[in-house]
Amino acid sequence: MKALTFNQYRITNIFILSLIFFIAETLITRGAREWFPELPYVLSLNILFMSLEFMRWRAFGAISAIVGGVAFCMASRATPGQYAVYCLGNLMAAAVLIYIKYIGRKKVRDKVVLTVIYVTLIFAAACLGRFLTALILGADLKALLAFVTTDILSWMFALIGVLAARNAEGLFEDQKDYLMRLEKEKQEVSHEG
């Protein structure tokens, strides 16, 4: 069997993880809406998903922002305006790429404090993006408070998830670096044997 090219690997990986997170986000949102309709919030995997994908795939991580927004909106039976708020607003999380470039991916991955800042920046940027989109669409200033307060639990869940993912081989790591490291290790083993 022929090995995948890097682009084929990226497309396949993003598709499979997007599908998994889409299904999970849909089930969580739908379940919360059906079983606990009085709750003002729903735990979302989107901050976690974006945190992993921006680290793994850089700008291609923006796909996760849209997938998470679509899953949440579909499960919530959202209006077109809400689709815009969640899908376009989540794209603001891509601003974290500046932080990663400035600090360095390896440092962000290896240092707990930098990882916490990274996830927090994604959370803050997504909330700000949603707020600004909602404001453009006519919402009032209370919308920001609503986005932040309803997403606090999702942010905390994402922090725990990303901190745990740091210990899993290749899960919270730039995939090009990860694949090159694996190839190097494979060559070292073959030279020893």
N, C-alpha and C. Protein backbone atom coordinates (compact mmCIF):
# COMPACT_ATOMS: atom_id res chain seq x y z
N MET A 1 0.84 -1.18 0.00
CA MET A 1 0.00 0.00 0.00
C MET A 1 0.88 1.24 0.00
N LYS A 2 0.52 2.18 -0.82
CA LYS A 2 1.28 3.41 -0.96
C LYS A 2 1.02 4.33 0.24
N ALA A 3 2.06 4.95 0.74
CA ALA A 3 1.94 5.86 1.88
C ALA A 3 1.22 7.14 1.44
N LEU A 4 0.51 7.74 2.39
CA LEU A 4 -0.19 9.00 2.11
C LEU A 4 0.82 10.14 1.98
N THR A 5 0.52 11.07 1.12
CA THR A 5 1.31 12.30 1.09
C THR A 5 0.90 13.13 2.31
N PHE A 6 1.68 14.16 2.62
CA PHE A 6 1.36 15.00 3.76
C PHE A 6 -0.01 15.66 3.58
N ASN A 7 -0.30 16.15 2.38
CA ASN A 7 -1.59 16.79 2.13
C ASN A 7 -2.75 15.80 2.27
N GLN A 8 -2.56 14.57 1.80
CA GLN A 8 -3.60 13.55 1.96
C GLN A 8 -3.80 13.23 3.44
N TYR A 9 -2.70 13.14 4.18
CA TYR A 9 -2.78 12.88 5.61
C TYR A 9 -3.53 14.01 6.31
N ARG A 10 -3.21 15.25 5.96
CA ARG A 10 -3.86 16.41 6.59
C ARG A 10 -5.36 16.40 6.32
N ILE A 11 -5.74 16.20 5.06
CA ILE A 11 -7.16 16.18 4.69
C ILE A 11 -7.89 15.06 5.43
N THR A 12 -7.30 13.88 5.43
CA THR A 12 -7.91 12.73 6.10
C THR A 12 -8.03 12.99 7.59
N ASN A 13 -6.97 13.47 8.20
CA ASN A 13 -6.96 13.71 9.64
C ASN A 13 -7.98 14.78 10.04
N ILE A 14 -7.99 15.88 9.32
CA ILE A 14 -8.95 16.95 9.63
C ILE A 14 -10.38 16.46 9.43
N PHE A 15 -10.62 15.70 8.36
CA PHE A 15 -11.96 15.18 8.10
C PHE A 15 -12.42 14.25 9.22
N ILE A 16 -11.57 13.30 9.61
CA ILE A 16 -11.96 12.32 10.64
C ILE A 16 -12.18 13.01 11.98
N LEU A 17 -11.26 13.86 12.40
CA LEU A 17 -11.45 14.55 13.68
C LEU A 17 -12.64 15.50 13.64
N SER A 18 -12.85 16.16 12.51
CA SER A 18 -14.01 17.05 12.39
C SER A 18 -15.30 16.25 12.51
N LEU A 19 -15.35 15.10 11.89
CA LEU A 19 -16.53 14.25 11.96
C LEU A 19 -16.78 13.79 13.41
N ILE A 20 -15.73 13.36 14.08
CA ILE A 20 -15.86 12.92 15.48
C ILE A 20 -16.37 14.06 16.35
N PHE A 21 -15.74 15.23 16.24
CA PHE A 21 -16.15 16.36 17.06
C PHE A 21 -17.53 16.88 16.67
N PHE A 22 -17.87 16.82 15.38
CA PHE A 22 -19.21 17.24 14.93
C PHE A 22 -20.27 16.37 15.59
N ILE A 23 -20.06 15.07 15.55
CA ILE A 23 -21.02 14.14 16.15
C ILE A 23 -21.10 14.36 17.66
N ALA A 24 -19.94 14.46 18.31
CA ALA A 24 -19.92 14.65 19.77
C ALA A 24 -20.59 15.97 20.17
N GLU A 25 -20.27 17.05 19.47
CA GLU A 25 -20.86 18.36 19.77
C GLU A 25 -22.37 18.34 19.55
N THR A 26 -22.80 17.69 18.49
CA THR A 26 -24.22 17.58 18.20
C THR A 26 -24.94 16.79 19.29
N LEU A 27 -24.38 15.65 19.69
CA LEU A 27 -25.00 14.83 20.73
C LEU A 27 -25.07 15.56 22.07
N ILE A 28 -23.99 16.23 22.43
CA ILE A 28 -23.96 16.97 23.71
C ILE A 28 -24.99 18.10 23.69
N THR A 29 -24.99 18.87 22.63
CA THR A 29 -25.91 20.02 22.54
C THR A 29 -27.35 19.54 22.49
N ARG A 30 -27.60 18.56 21.66
CA ARG A 30 -28.97 18.05 21.51
C ARG A 30 -29.46 17.43 22.82
N GLY A 31 -28.59 16.65 23.45
CA GLY A 31 -28.94 16.02 24.72
C GLY A 31 -29.24 17.04 25.80
N ALA A 32 -28.41 18.05 25.90
CA ALA A 32 -28.62 19.09 26.90
C ALA A 32 -29.92 19.85 26.65
N ARG A 33 -30.20 20.15 25.40
CA ARG A 33 -31.43 20.88 25.05
C ARG A 33 -32.68 20.03 25.34
N GLU A 34 -32.57 18.74 25.12
CA GLU A 34 -33.73 17.86 25.33
C GLU A 34 -33.92 17.49 26.81
N TRP A 35 -32.83 17.15 27.49
CA TRP A 35 -32.93 16.65 28.85
C TRP A 35 -32.93 17.75 29.91
N PHE A 36 -32.25 18.85 29.61
CA PHE A 36 -32.14 19.94 30.59
C PHE A 36 -32.47 21.28 29.94
N PRO A 37 -33.68 21.44 29.43
CA PRO A 37 -34.01 22.66 28.69
C PRO A 37 -33.97 23.94 29.53
N GLU A 38 -34.04 23.81 30.84
CA GLU A 38 -34.03 25.00 31.69
C GLU A 38 -32.62 25.57 31.91
N LEU A 39 -31.60 24.80 31.59
CA LEU A 39 -30.24 25.29 31.77
C LEU A 39 -29.90 26.36 30.73
N PRO A 40 -29.26 27.45 31.16
CA PRO A 40 -28.94 28.54 30.23
C PRO A 40 -27.68 28.29 29.40
N TYR A 41 -27.01 27.17 29.61
CA TYR A 41 -25.76 26.91 28.91
C TYR A 41 -25.68 25.45 28.50
N VAL A 42 -24.77 25.17 27.60
CA VAL A 42 -24.48 23.82 27.16
C VAL A 42 -22.97 23.68 27.15
N LEU A 43 -22.46 22.61 27.72
CA LEU A 43 -21.03 22.34 27.66
C LEU A 43 -20.68 22.05 26.20
N SER A 44 -19.71 22.77 25.68
CA SER A 44 -19.32 22.62 24.28
C SER A 44 -17.89 22.11 24.19
N LEU A 45 -17.65 21.29 23.20
CA LEU A 45 -16.30 20.79 22.94
C LEU A 45 -15.52 21.71 22.00
N ASN A 46 -16.15 22.78 21.53
CA ASN A 46 -15.56 23.58 20.47
C ASN A 46 -14.25 24.25 20.87
N ILE A 47 -14.14 24.77 22.07
CA ILE A 47 -12.88 25.40 22.50
C ILE A 47 -11.77 24.34 22.53
N LEU A 48 -12.09 23.16 23.04
CA LEU A 48 -11.12 22.06 23.06
C LEU A 48 -10.71 21.69 21.64
N PHE A 49 -11.69 21.52 20.76
CA PHE A 49 -11.42 21.13 19.38
C PHE A 49 -10.55 22.17 18.67
N MET A 50 -10.91 23.44 18.83
CA MET A 50 -10.11 24.50 18.19
C MET A 50 -8.70 24.52 18.76
N SER A 51 -8.57 24.32 20.07
CA SER A 51 -7.25 24.33 20.71
C SER A 51 -6.35 23.24 20.14
N LEU A 52 -6.91 22.07 19.94
CA LEU A 52 -6.13 20.97 19.36
C LEU A 52 -5.80 21.23 17.90
N GLU A 53 -6.78 21.66 17.13
CA GLU A 53 -6.59 21.79 15.69
C GLU A 53 -5.69 22.96 15.29
N PHE A 54 -5.77 24.09 16.00
CA PHE A 54 -4.86 25.20 15.67
C PHE A 54 -3.41 24.81 15.98
N MET A 55 -3.20 24.01 17.02
CA MET A 55 -1.84 23.53 17.31
C MET A 55 -1.40 22.53 16.25
N ARG A 56 -2.27 21.64 15.87
CA ARG A 56 -1.92 20.57 14.94
C ARG A 56 -1.76 21.05 13.50
N TRP A 57 -2.66 21.96 13.06
CA TRP A 57 -2.75 22.27 11.64
C TRP A 57 -2.64 23.75 11.31
N ARG A 58 -2.25 24.56 12.27
CA ARG A 58 -2.09 26.00 12.05
C ARG A 58 -3.38 26.62 11.49
N ALA A 59 -3.30 27.34 10.38
CA ALA A 59 -4.47 28.05 9.85
C ALA A 59 -5.60 27.09 9.44
N PHE A 60 -5.27 25.86 9.10
CA PHE A 60 -6.31 24.88 8.78
C PHE A 60 -7.19 24.58 9.99
N GLY A 61 -6.72 24.96 11.16
CA GLY A 61 -7.52 24.81 12.37
C GLY A 61 -8.81 25.61 12.31
N ALA A 62 -8.85 26.60 11.41
CA ALA A 62 -10.08 27.39 11.26
C ALA A 62 -11.26 26.52 10.83
N ILE A 63 -10.97 25.40 10.20
CA ILE A 63 -12.04 24.48 9.82
C ILE A 63 -12.78 24.03 11.08
N SER A 64 -12.03 23.79 12.16
CA SER A 64 -12.66 23.35 13.41
C SER A 64 -13.59 24.41 13.98
N ALA A 65 -13.25 25.67 13.78
CA ALA A 65 -14.10 26.76 14.27
C ALA A 65 -15.46 26.73 13.58
N ILE A 66 -15.44 26.49 12.29
CA ILE A 66 -16.69 26.45 11.53
C ILE A 66 -17.47 25.17 11.82
N VAL A 67 -16.78 24.04 11.86
CA VAL A 67 -17.44 22.76 12.14
C VAL A 67 -18.13 22.80 13.51
N GLY A 68 -17.44 23.32 14.52
CA GLY A 68 -18.03 23.42 15.85
C GLY A 68 -19.25 24.33 15.87
N GLY A 69 -19.16 25.45 15.16
CA GLY A 69 -20.29 26.37 15.08
C GLY A 69 -21.49 25.75 14.39
N VAL A 70 -21.24 25.06 13.28
CA VAL A 70 -22.33 24.42 12.54
C VAL A 70 -22.98 23.32 13.39
N ALA A 71 -22.17 22.50 14.04
CA ALA A 71 -22.72 21.42 14.87
C ALA A 71 -23.60 21.98 15.98
N PHE A 72 -23.09 23.00 16.67
CA PHE A 72 -23.86 23.60 17.76
C PHE A 72 -25.16 24.19 17.24
N CYS A 73 -25.09 24.92 16.14
CA CYS A 73 -26.28 25.57 15.59
C CYS A 73 -27.30 24.57 15.07
N MET A 74 -26.84 23.53 14.39
CA MET A 74 -27.78 22.52 13.88
C MET A 74 -28.51 21.85 15.04
N ALA A 75 -27.75 21.48 16.07
CA ALA A 75 -28.35 20.80 17.22
C ALA A 75 -29.27 21.71 18.01
N SER A 76 -29.02 23.01 17.94
CA SER A 76 -29.83 24.00 18.67
C SER A 76 -31.00 24.52 17.84
N ARG A 77 -31.07 24.09 16.60
CA ARG A 77 -32.08 24.61 15.67
C ARG A 77 -31.98 26.13 15.58
N ALA A 78 -30.78 26.58 15.31
CA ALA A 78 -30.46 28.01 15.31
C ALA A 78 -31.04 28.75 14.11
N THR A 79 -31.12 30.05 14.28
CA THR A 79 -31.53 30.94 13.19
C THR A 79 -30.32 31.21 12.30
N PRO A 80 -30.52 31.74 11.10
CA PRO A 80 -29.37 32.09 10.26
C PRO A 80 -28.42 33.08 10.96
N GLY A 81 -28.96 34.00 11.72
CA GLY A 81 -28.11 34.94 12.46
C GLY A 81 -27.24 34.25 13.48
N GLN A 82 -27.78 33.23 14.14
CA GLN A 82 -26.99 32.48 15.11
C GLN A 82 -25.90 31.66 14.43
N TYR A 83 -26.18 31.16 13.23
CA TYR A 83 -25.13 30.48 12.46
C TYR A 83 -23.98 31.45 12.21
N ALA A 84 -24.31 32.66 11.82
CA ALA A 84 -23.27 33.67 11.57
C ALA A 84 -22.49 33.96 12.83
N VAL A 85 -23.19 34.13 13.94
CA VAL A 85 -22.53 34.43 15.22
C VAL A 85 -21.55 33.32 15.59
N TYR A 86 -22.00 32.09 15.54
CA TYR A 86 -21.15 30.98 16.01
C TYR A 86 -20.09 30.57 14.99
N CYS A 87 -20.40 30.59 13.72
CA CYS A 87 -19.41 30.17 12.73
C CYS A 87 -18.39 31.27 12.44
N LEU A 88 -18.87 32.46 12.12
CA LEU A 88 -17.95 33.56 11.84
C LEU A 88 -17.26 34.03 13.11
N GLY A 89 -18.02 34.09 14.21
CA GLY A 89 -17.44 34.52 15.48
C GLY A 89 -16.32 33.61 15.94
N ASN A 90 -16.50 32.31 15.78
CA ASN A 90 -15.46 31.35 16.19
C ASN A 90 -14.16 31.55 15.41
N LEU A 91 -14.27 32.05 14.19
CA LEU A 91 -13.06 32.24 13.37
C LEU A 91 -12.08 33.22 14.00
N MET A 92 -12.58 34.09 14.88
CA MET A 92 -11.69 35.04 15.56
C MET A 92 -10.64 34.30 16.40
N ALA A 93 -10.93 33.06 16.77
CA ALA A 93 -9.98 32.26 17.53
C ALA A 93 -8.67 32.05 16.76
N ALA A 94 -8.72 32.22 15.45
CA ALA A 94 -7.50 32.07 14.64
C ALA A 94 -6.44 33.11 15.01
N ALA A 95 -6.83 34.14 15.74
CA ALA A 95 -5.85 35.13 16.21
C ALA A 95 -4.79 34.48 17.08
N VAL A 96 -5.09 33.30 17.64
CA VAL A 96 -4.13 32.59 18.48
C VAL A 96 -2.88 32.20 17.68
N LEU A 97 -3.00 32.15 16.37
CA LEU A 97 -1.84 31.81 15.53
C LEU A 97 -0.71 32.83 15.70
N ILE A 98 -1.06 34.06 15.99
CA ILE A 98 -0.04 35.09 16.25
C ILE A 98 0.72 34.74 17.52
N TYR A 99 0.00 34.36 18.55
CA TYR A 99 0.62 33.95 19.83
C TYR A 99 1.55 32.76 19.62
N ILE A 100 1.08 31.75 18.89
CA ILE A 100 1.89 30.55 18.64
C ILE A 100 3.16 30.91 17.86
N LYS A 101 3.01 31.76 16.87
CA LYS A 101 4.17 32.16 16.07
C LYS A 101 5.18 32.92 16.91
N TYR A 102 4.68 33.81 17.76
CA TYR A 102 5.56 34.63 18.60
C TYR A 102 6.25 33.80 19.68
N ILE A 103 5.52 32.97 20.37
CA ILE A 103 6.06 32.18 21.49
C ILE A 103 6.79 30.94 20.98
N GLY A 104 6.22 30.30 19.97
CA GLY A 104 6.77 29.05 19.45
C GLY A 104 5.90 27.87 19.85
N ARG A 105 5.58 27.03 18.90
CA ARG A 105 4.69 25.89 19.14
C ARG A 105 5.21 24.95 20.22
N LYS A 106 6.46 24.66 20.15
CA LYS A 106 7.04 23.70 21.11
C LYS A 106 6.95 24.23 22.54
N LYS A 107 7.24 25.52 22.72
CA LYS A 107 7.14 26.11 24.06
C LYS A 107 5.70 26.09 24.56
N VAL A 108 4.76 26.44 23.68
CA VAL A 108 3.34 26.44 24.07
C VAL A 108 2.94 25.02 24.46
N ARG A 109 3.41 24.06 23.72
CA ARG A 109 3.07 22.67 24.00
C ARG A 109 3.72 22.15 25.28
N ASP A 110 4.95 22.54 25.53
CA ASP A 110 5.72 21.96 26.63
C ASP A 110 5.54 22.65 27.97
N LYS A 111 5.15 23.91 27.99
CA LYS A 111 5.03 24.64 29.25
C LYS A 111 3.56 24.82 29.63
N VAL A 112 3.21 24.35 30.81
CA VAL A 112 1.82 24.38 31.26
C VAL A 112 1.25 25.80 31.23
N VAL A 113 1.99 26.76 31.73
CA VAL A 113 1.49 28.14 31.78
C VAL A 113 1.19 28.66 30.38
N LEU A 114 2.07 28.38 29.43
CA LEU A 114 1.86 28.84 28.06
C LEU A 114 0.70 28.10 27.40
N THR A 115 0.49 26.85 27.77
CA THR A 115 -0.65 26.09 27.27
C THR A 115 -1.95 26.69 27.79
N VAL A 116 -1.97 27.02 29.08
CA VAL A 116 -3.16 27.62 29.69
C VAL A 116 -3.47 28.97 29.02
N ILE A 117 -2.44 29.76 28.78
CA ILE A 117 -2.63 31.05 28.10
C ILE A 117 -3.19 30.81 26.69
N TYR A 118 -2.65 29.83 26.00
CA TYR A 118 -3.09 29.49 24.64
C TYR A 118 -4.58 29.17 24.60
N VAL A 119 -5.02 28.26 25.47
CA VAL A 119 -6.44 27.88 25.49
C VAL A 119 -7.31 29.07 25.90
N THR A 120 -6.82 29.86 26.84
CA THR A 120 -7.57 31.03 27.30
C THR A 120 -7.70 32.06 26.18
N LEU A 121 -6.66 32.23 25.39
CA LEU A 121 -6.73 33.16 24.25
C LEU A 121 -7.75 32.69 23.21
N ILE A 122 -7.80 31.40 22.97
CA ILE A 122 -8.79 30.86 22.03
C ILE A 122 -10.19 31.13 22.56
N PHE A 123 -10.39 30.86 23.83
CA PHE A 123 -11.69 31.11 24.46
C PHE A 123 -12.07 32.59 24.36
N ALA A 124 -11.15 33.47 24.74
CA ALA A 124 -11.44 34.91 24.73
C ALA A 124 -11.69 35.42 23.31
N ALA A 125 -10.88 34.96 22.36
CA ALA A 125 -11.04 35.42 20.97
C ALA A 125 -12.36 34.93 20.38
N ALA A 126 -12.73 33.68 20.66
CA ALA A 126 -14.01 33.15 20.15
C ALA A 126 -15.18 33.93 20.76
N CYS A 127 -15.11 34.19 22.07
CA CYS A 127 -16.19 34.97 22.72
C CYS A 127 -16.27 36.38 22.12
N LEU A 128 -15.12 36.99 21.92
CA LEU A 128 -15.10 38.33 21.34
C LEU A 128 -15.63 38.31 19.91
N GLY A 129 -15.22 37.31 19.14
CA GLY A 129 -15.70 37.18 17.76
C GLY A 129 -17.20 37.00 17.69
N ARG A 130 -17.73 36.17 18.57
CA ARG A 130 -19.18 35.97 18.60
C ARG A 130 -19.89 37.25 19.01
N PHE A 131 -19.32 37.92 20.01
CA PHE A 131 -19.92 39.17 20.48
C PHE A 131 -19.95 40.22 19.37
N LEU A 132 -18.82 40.40 18.68
CA LEU A 132 -18.76 41.40 17.62
C LEU A 132 -19.72 41.06 16.47
N THR A 133 -19.79 39.78 16.13
CA THR A 133 -20.72 39.37 15.08
C THR A 133 -22.16 39.62 15.52
N ALA A 134 -22.47 39.28 16.77
CA ALA A 134 -23.82 39.52 17.29
C ALA A 134 -24.14 41.00 17.32
N LEU A 135 -23.13 41.82 17.69
CA LEU A 135 -23.32 43.27 17.74
C LEU A 135 -23.64 43.82 16.34
N ILE A 136 -22.89 43.36 15.34
CA ILE A 136 -23.13 43.78 13.96
C ILE A 136 -24.55 43.39 13.51
N LEU A 137 -25.02 42.25 14.01
CA LEU A 137 -26.34 41.77 13.65
C LEU A 137 -27.45 42.37 14.52
N GLY A 138 -27.07 43.30 15.42
CA GLY A 138 -28.09 44.02 16.17
C GLY A 138 -28.26 43.65 17.63
N ALA A 139 -27.45 42.76 18.17
CA ALA A 139 -27.56 42.40 19.59
C ALA A 139 -27.06 43.56 20.46
N ASP A 140 -27.39 43.52 21.73
CA ASP A 140 -26.93 44.58 22.63
C ASP A 140 -25.66 44.14 23.37
N LEU A 141 -25.14 45.01 24.20
CA LEU A 141 -23.89 44.74 24.90
C LEU A 141 -23.99 43.59 25.89
N LYS A 142 -25.19 43.24 26.30
CA LYS A 142 -25.37 42.11 27.21
C LYS A 142 -24.94 40.80 26.56
N ALA A 143 -24.86 40.80 25.23
CA ALA A 143 -24.51 39.58 24.50
C ALA A 143 -23.11 39.08 24.90
N LEU A 144 -22.16 39.99 25.11
CA LEU A 144 -20.81 39.56 25.50
C LEU A 144 -20.85 38.82 26.81
N LEU A 145 -21.53 39.36 27.77
CA LEU A 145 -21.64 38.72 29.07
C LEU A 145 -22.26 37.33 28.92
N ALA A 146 -23.26 37.22 28.08
CA ALA A 146 -23.91 35.92 27.85
C ALA A 146 -22.94 34.92 27.25
N PHE A 147 -22.14 35.34 26.26
CA PHE A 147 -21.18 34.43 25.63
C PHE A 147 -20.13 33.97 26.63
N VAL A 148 -19.60 34.90 27.41
CA VAL A 148 -18.55 34.55 28.36
C VAL A 148 -19.09 33.65 29.47
N THR A 149 -20.20 34.02 30.05
CA THR A 149 -20.71 33.23 31.19
C THR A 149 -21.17 31.84 30.76
N THR A 150 -21.76 31.71 29.60
CA THR A 150 -22.21 30.38 29.18
C THR A 150 -21.04 29.50 28.71
N ASP A 151 -19.93 30.10 28.35
CA ASP A 151 -18.80 29.31 27.85
C ASP A 151 -17.71 29.06 28.89
N ILE A 152 -17.86 29.57 30.10
CA ILE A 152 -16.84 29.36 31.13
C ILE A 152 -16.60 27.87 31.38
N LEU A 153 -17.67 27.09 31.50
CA LEU A 153 -17.50 25.65 31.73
C LEU A 153 -16.82 24.98 30.54
N SER A 154 -17.13 25.42 29.34
CA SER A 154 -16.48 24.86 28.15
C SER A 154 -14.99 25.19 28.14
N TRP A 155 -14.65 26.39 28.59
CA TRP A 155 -13.24 26.80 28.68
C TRP A 155 -12.52 25.92 29.70
N MET A 156 -13.14 25.70 30.86
CA MET A 156 -12.51 24.87 31.89
C MET A 156 -12.34 23.43 31.38
N PHE A 157 -13.35 22.92 30.69
CA PHE A 157 -13.26 21.58 30.11
C PHE A 157 -12.13 21.52 29.08
N ALA A 158 -12.03 22.56 28.26
CA ALA A 158 -10.97 22.61 27.25
C ALA A 158 -9.59 22.64 27.90
N LEU A 159 -9.45 23.40 28.99
CA LEU A 159 -8.16 23.44 29.70
C LEU A 159 -7.76 22.04 30.16
N ILE A 160 -8.68 21.36 30.79
CA ILE A 160 -8.40 20.01 31.28
C ILE A 160 -8.08 19.09 30.11
N GLY A 161 -8.88 19.17 29.05
CA GLY A 161 -8.67 18.31 27.88
C GLY A 161 -7.32 18.55 27.20
N VAL A 162 -6.95 19.81 27.03
CA VAL A 162 -5.68 20.11 26.37
C VAL A 162 -4.50 19.73 27.26
N LEU A 163 -4.61 20.01 28.55
CA LEU A 163 -3.52 19.61 29.45
C LEU A 163 -3.33 18.10 29.45
N ALA A 164 -4.42 17.36 29.36
CA ALA A 164 -4.32 15.90 29.25
C ALA A 164 -3.75 15.50 27.89
N ALA A 165 -4.17 16.18 26.84
CA ALA A 165 -3.72 15.85 25.47
C ALA A 165 -2.22 16.07 25.30
N ARG A 166 -1.63 16.94 26.11
CA ARG A 166 -0.19 17.19 26.02
C ARG A 166 0.60 15.90 26.28
N ASN A 167 0.01 14.96 27.01
CA ASN A 167 0.70 13.71 27.35
C ASN A 167 0.50 12.62 26.32
N ALA A 168 -0.40 12.83 25.38
CA ALA A 168 -0.65 11.83 24.33
C ALA A 168 0.24 12.14 23.13
N GLU A 169 0.93 11.15 22.69
CA GLU A 169 1.86 11.29 21.56
C GLU A 169 1.19 11.89 20.34
N GLY A 170 1.62 13.09 19.93
CA GLY A 170 1.19 13.69 18.68
C GLY A 170 -0.18 14.36 18.70
N LEU A 171 -0.92 14.27 19.79
CA LEU A 171 -2.27 14.83 19.81
C LEU A 171 -2.28 16.35 19.90
N PHE A 172 -1.39 16.91 20.71
CA PHE A 172 -1.29 18.36 20.86
C PHE A 172 0.09 18.79 20.36
N GLU A 173 0.31 18.59 19.06
CA GLU A 173 1.61 18.84 18.47
C GLU A 173 1.42 19.16 16.99
N ASP A 174 2.23 20.09 16.49
CA ASP A 174 2.20 20.39 15.06
C ASP A 174 2.44 19.09 14.31
N GLN A 175 1.55 18.75 13.40
CA GLN A 175 1.60 17.44 12.75
C GLN A 175 2.79 17.28 11.82
N LYS A 176 3.23 18.34 11.21
CA LYS A 176 4.41 18.23 10.35
C LYS A 176 5.63 17.89 11.22
N ASP A 177 5.78 18.59 12.34
CA ASP A 177 6.88 18.30 13.28
C ASP A 177 6.77 16.88 13.83
N TYR A 178 5.55 16.48 14.16
CA TYR A 178 5.31 15.16 14.71
C TYR A 178 5.72 14.07 13.72
N LEU A 179 5.29 14.20 12.47
CA LEU A 179 5.62 13.19 11.46
C LEU A 179 7.11 13.16 11.16
N MET A 180 7.75 14.32 11.15
CA MET A 180 9.21 14.36 10.93
C MET A 180 9.94 13.70 12.09
N ARG A 181 9.47 13.93 13.31
CA ARG A 181 10.09 13.31 14.49
C ARG A 181 9.93 11.80 14.43
N LEU A 182 8.76 11.31 14.05
CA LEU A 182 8.54 9.87 13.92
C LEU A 182 9.46 9.26 12.87
N GLU A 183 9.59 9.95 11.74
CA GLU A 183 10.47 9.45 10.67
C GLU A 183 11.92 9.39 11.14
N LYS A 184 12.34 10.41 11.86
CA LYS A 184 13.71 10.45 12.38
C LYS A 184 13.94 9.30 13.37
N GLU A 185 12.98 9.06 14.25
CA GLU A 185 13.09 7.96 15.21
C GLU A 185 13.13 6.62 14.49
N LYS A 186 12.33 6.48 13.45
CA LYS A 186 12.29 5.25 12.67
C LYS A 186 13.65 4.99 12.00
N GLN A 187 14.26 6.05 11.45
CA GLN A 187 15.57 5.92 10.81
C GLN A 187 16.64 5.58 11.83
N GLU A 188 16.57 6.18 13.02
CA GLU A 188 17.54 5.87 14.07
C GLU A 188 17.47 4.40 14.49
N VAL A 189 16.25 3.88 14.59
CA VAL A 189 16.05 2.49 14.96
C VAL A 189 16.58 1.56 13.87
N SER A 190 16.35 1.92 12.60
CA SER A 190 16.81 1.07 11.50
C SER A 190 18.34 1.09 11.39
N HIS A 191 18.98 2.20 11.76
CA HIS A 191 20.44 2.28 11.73
C HIS A 191 21.06 1.48 12.88
N GLU A 192 20.35 1.39 13.99
CA GLU A 192 20.85 0.64 15.14
C GLU A 192 20.75 -0.86 14.89
N GLY A 193 19.68 -1.27 14.13
CA GLY A 193 19.42 -2.69 13.90
C GLY A 193 20.17 -3.17 12.75
